[in-house]
Amino acid sequence: MPTEENEIAANALEGYRQLADQLRHEEALSWKRLETFLVISSALVALIGLFWPKPDAAISPAVVEASRILLVILISAVGLLLSLGWIVVVRRSEAFHDFRYLQLIEAEATHLRPITTFSKADDYFSGETVSIHGEPRRLTGLARWARIYQLMSGVPIVFSLLWATLLTYFVTTAC
């Protein structure tokens, strides 16, 4: 007959599994979001290439130039807004990831003492030496300080700088 203690342990383990699944799902969504924003931003860059101001002999060069500059300004403004939104989405994804990760560490410490998967990983990624199969392991170098969400934030920051530079250049050119 199951005891109340066994039932609590079983519920804790099931909750732990669900949290781990949610963490995996959030990580998969983060990569999908990165991919989606990257494709859209790349398409906008390609559009800039299509509309980059260049004279056309069939129409008055001044009219063509002005309309192309206006399109480039509009595309750059959309790209900048998209990139700023992208940064917010990455930060929000990081917050969800960190929250689930901390919940898993808490579940290990509170209800699942023999399980140390996430708490040991947290120690490892913090630069501490951990023992895996009796061998000491320590994360070193660049991998130690570079969190994946920081690197994911770098991509929209680069695009934001690109869009801001294009906007500044073409707005000053148009005026």
Protein backbone atom coordinates (compact mmCIF):
# COMPACT_ATOMS: atom_id res chain seq x y z
CA MET A 1 0.00 0.00 0.00
CA PRO A 2 1.46 3.37 -1.02
CA THR A 3 2.36 5.63 1.83
CA GLU A 4 1.84 9.35 1.85
CA GLU A 5 5.63 9.81 1.65
CA ASN A 6 5.84 7.62 -1.48
CA GLU A 7 2.98 9.52 -3.07
CA ILE A 8 4.68 12.85 -2.39
CA ALA A 9 7.94 11.54 -3.89
CA ALA A 10 6.09 10.22 -6.96
CA ASN A 11 4.31 13.56 -7.43
CA ALA A 12 7.60 15.44 -7.00
CA LEU A 13 9.28 13.24 -9.61
CA GLU A 14 6.39 13.73 -12.04
CA GLY A 15 6.52 17.50 -11.49
CA TYR A 16 10.28 17.40 -12.08
CA ARG A 17 9.76 15.56 -15.38
CA GLN A 18 7.17 18.10 -16.47
CA LEU A 19 9.48 21.00 -15.61
CA ALA A 20 12.32 19.36 -17.55
CA ASP A 21 9.95 18.94 -20.53
CA GLN A 22 8.92 22.60 -20.27
CA LEU A 23 12.58 23.62 -20.21
CA ARG A 24 13.32 21.56 -23.33
CA HIS A 25 10.25 23.01 -25.03
CA GLU A 26 11.29 26.58 -24.17
CA GLU A 27 14.79 25.94 -25.52
CA ALA A 28 13.33 24.59 -28.78
CA LEU A 29 11.07 27.64 -29.06
CA SER A 30 14.03 29.94 -28.48
CA TRP A 31 15.91 28.42 -31.41
CA LYS A 32 12.78 28.56 -33.59
CA ARG A 33 12.30 32.25 -32.72
CA LEU A 34 15.95 32.98 -33.54
CA GLU A 35 15.55 31.22 -36.87
CA THR A 36 12.33 33.08 -37.72
CA PHE A 37 13.67 36.53 -36.84
CA LEU A 38 16.90 35.79 -38.72
CA VAL A 39 15.01 34.79 -41.89
CA ILE A 40 12.78 37.89 -41.76
CA SER A 41 15.72 40.20 -41.06
CA SER A 42 17.75 38.63 -43.87
CA ALA A 43 14.83 39.10 -46.25
CA LEU A 44 14.67 42.78 -45.31
CA VAL A 45 18.41 43.11 -46.00
CA ALA A 46 17.82 41.51 -49.41
CA LEU A 47 15.04 44.05 -50.07
CA ILE A 48 17.45 46.85 -49.26
CA GLY A 49 19.74 45.43 -51.94
CA LEU A 50 16.89 45.49 -54.46
CA PHE A 51 15.92 49.07 -53.70
CA TRP A 52 19.38 50.49 -53.12
CA PRO A 53 19.37 53.86 -54.84
CA LYS A 54 20.68 53.70 -58.39
CA PRO A 55 19.82 55.84 -61.40
CA ASP A 56 17.39 54.50 -64.00
CA ALA A 57 17.64 56.01 -67.51
CA ALA A 58 13.95 55.47 -68.36
CA ILE A 59 12.62 57.66 -65.55
CA SER A 60 13.91 60.91 -64.14
CA PRO A 61 16.90 59.99 -61.96
CA ALA A 62 15.78 62.38 -59.21
CA VAL A 63 12.33 60.71 -58.92
CA VAL A 64 13.81 57.20 -58.93
CA GLU A 65 16.45 58.19 -56.40
CA ALA A 66 13.91 59.77 -54.02
CA SER A 67 11.49 56.83 -54.18
CA ARG A 68 14.26 54.29 -53.65
CA ILE A 69 15.66 56.24 -50.71
CA LEU A 70 12.18 56.43 -49.20
CA LEU A 71 11.77 52.64 -49.57
CA VAL A 72 15.17 52.01 -48.00
CA ILE A 73 14.26 54.31 -45.08
CA LEU A 74 10.94 52.52 -44.62
CA ILE A 75 12.52 49.05 -44.77
CA SER A 76 15.27 50.15 -42.36
CA ALA A 77 12.70 51.52 -39.89
CA VAL A 78 10.76 48.24 -40.02
CA GLY A 79 14.02 46.32 -39.60
CA LEU A 80 15.03 48.42 -36.59
CA LEU A 81 11.66 47.92 -34.89
CA LEU A 82 11.81 44.20 -35.65
CA SER A 83 15.32 43.94 -34.19
CA LEU A 84 14.37 45.79 -31.02
CA GLY A 85 11.38 43.48 -30.59
CA TRP A 86 13.68 40.52 -31.24
CA ILE A 87 15.94 41.60 -28.37
CA VAL A 88 12.92 41.73 -26.04
CA VAL A 89 11.82 38.25 -27.17
CA VAL A 90 15.30 36.81 -26.54
CA ARG A 91 15.43 38.36 -23.06
CA ARG A 92 11.95 37.07 -22.26
CA SER A 93 12.96 33.59 -23.45
CA GLU A 94 16.03 33.77 -21.25
CA ALA A 95 13.85 34.70 -18.25
CA PHE A 96 11.54 31.73 -18.87
CA HIS A 97 14.55 29.41 -19.26
CA ASP A 98 16.21 30.66 -16.09
CA PHE A 99 12.97 30.40 -14.11
CA ARG A 100 12.38 26.77 -15.16
CA TYR A 101 16.03 25.95 -14.52
CA LEU A 102 15.84 27.38 -10.99
CA GLN A 103 12.59 25.48 -10.37
CA LEU A 104 14.35 22.25 -11.33
CA ILE A 105 17.26 23.00 -8.99
CA GLU A 106 14.79 23.76 -6.19
CA ALA A 107 12.88 20.52 -6.85
CA GLU A 108 16.14 18.56 -6.63
CA ALA A 109 17.12 20.21 -3.35
CA THR A 110 13.67 20.03 -1.77
CA HIS A 111 12.10 16.77 -2.91
CA LEU A 112 14.58 14.75 -4.95
CA ARG A 113 17.83 14.77 -2.98
CA PRO A 114 19.57 11.95 -4.89
CA ILE A 115 18.96 13.72 -8.22
CA THR A 116 21.47 16.50 -8.90
CA THR A 117 21.36 16.87 -12.67
CA PHE A 118 20.47 20.56 -12.84
CA SER A 119 22.13 21.65 -9.61
CA LYS A 120 25.39 20.02 -10.74
CA ALA A 121 25.05 21.64 -14.17
CA ASP A 122 24.50 25.00 -12.47
CA ASP A 123 27.70 24.53 -10.48
CA TYR A 124 29.55 23.49 -13.64
CA PHE A 125 28.37 26.49 -15.65
CA SER A 126 29.25 28.76 -12.73
CA GLY A 127 32.87 27.67 -13.09
CA GLU A 128 33.00 25.27 -10.17
CA THR A 129 34.65 21.88 -10.42
CA VAL A 130 32.15 19.01 -10.39
CA SER A 131 32.68 15.28 -10.32
CA ILE A 132 31.21 13.18 -13.13
CA HIS A 133 31.84 9.44 -12.87
CA GLY A 134 34.54 10.20 -10.32
CA GLU A 135 36.43 12.54 -12.64
CA PRO A 136 36.71 16.25 -11.89
CA ARG A 137 35.31 18.51 -14.62
CA ARG A 138 35.46 22.27 -14.92
CA LEU A 139 34.22 24.55 -17.65
CA THR A 140 36.98 26.91 -18.73
CA GLY A 141 37.74 29.66 -21.18
CA LEU A 142 35.25 31.39 -23.38
CA ALA A 143 32.54 28.80 -22.76
CA ARG A 144 32.53 29.65 -19.08
CA TRP A 145 31.28 33.21 -19.39
CA ALA A 146 29.30 33.02 -22.65
CA ARG A 147 25.70 32.11 -22.03
CA ILE A 148 23.76 31.06 -25.11
CA TYR A 149 21.10 33.73 -24.58
CA GLN A 150 23.78 36.42 -24.51
CA LEU A 151 25.02 35.15 -27.84
CA MET A 152 21.44 34.97 -29.15
CA SER A 153 21.03 38.64 -28.16
CA GLY A 154 24.11 39.56 -30.18
CA VAL A 155 22.45 38.78 -33.50
CA PRO A 156 19.56 41.27 -33.16
CA ILE A 157 21.96 43.84 -31.71
CA VAL A 158 24.09 43.58 -34.86
CA PHE A 159 20.96 43.92 -37.01
CA SER A 160 19.82 46.91 -34.90
CA LEU A 161 23.15 48.62 -35.52
CA LEU A 162 22.86 47.89 -39.25
CA TRP A 163 19.32 49.32 -39.42
CA ALA A 164 20.23 52.37 -37.34
CA THR A 165 23.26 53.04 -39.56
CA LEU A 166 21.18 52.72 -42.74
CA LEU A 167 18.44 54.94 -41.32
CA THR A 168 20.92 57.59 -40.28
CA TYR A 169 22.70 57.52 -43.61
CA PHE A 170 19.59 57.67 -45.78
CA VAL A 171 17.69 60.16 -43.66
CA THR A 172 20.66 62.53 -43.78
CA THR A 173 21.03 61.85 -47.52
CA ALA A 174 17.36 62.58 -48.17
CA CYS A 175 17.39 65.85 -46.21
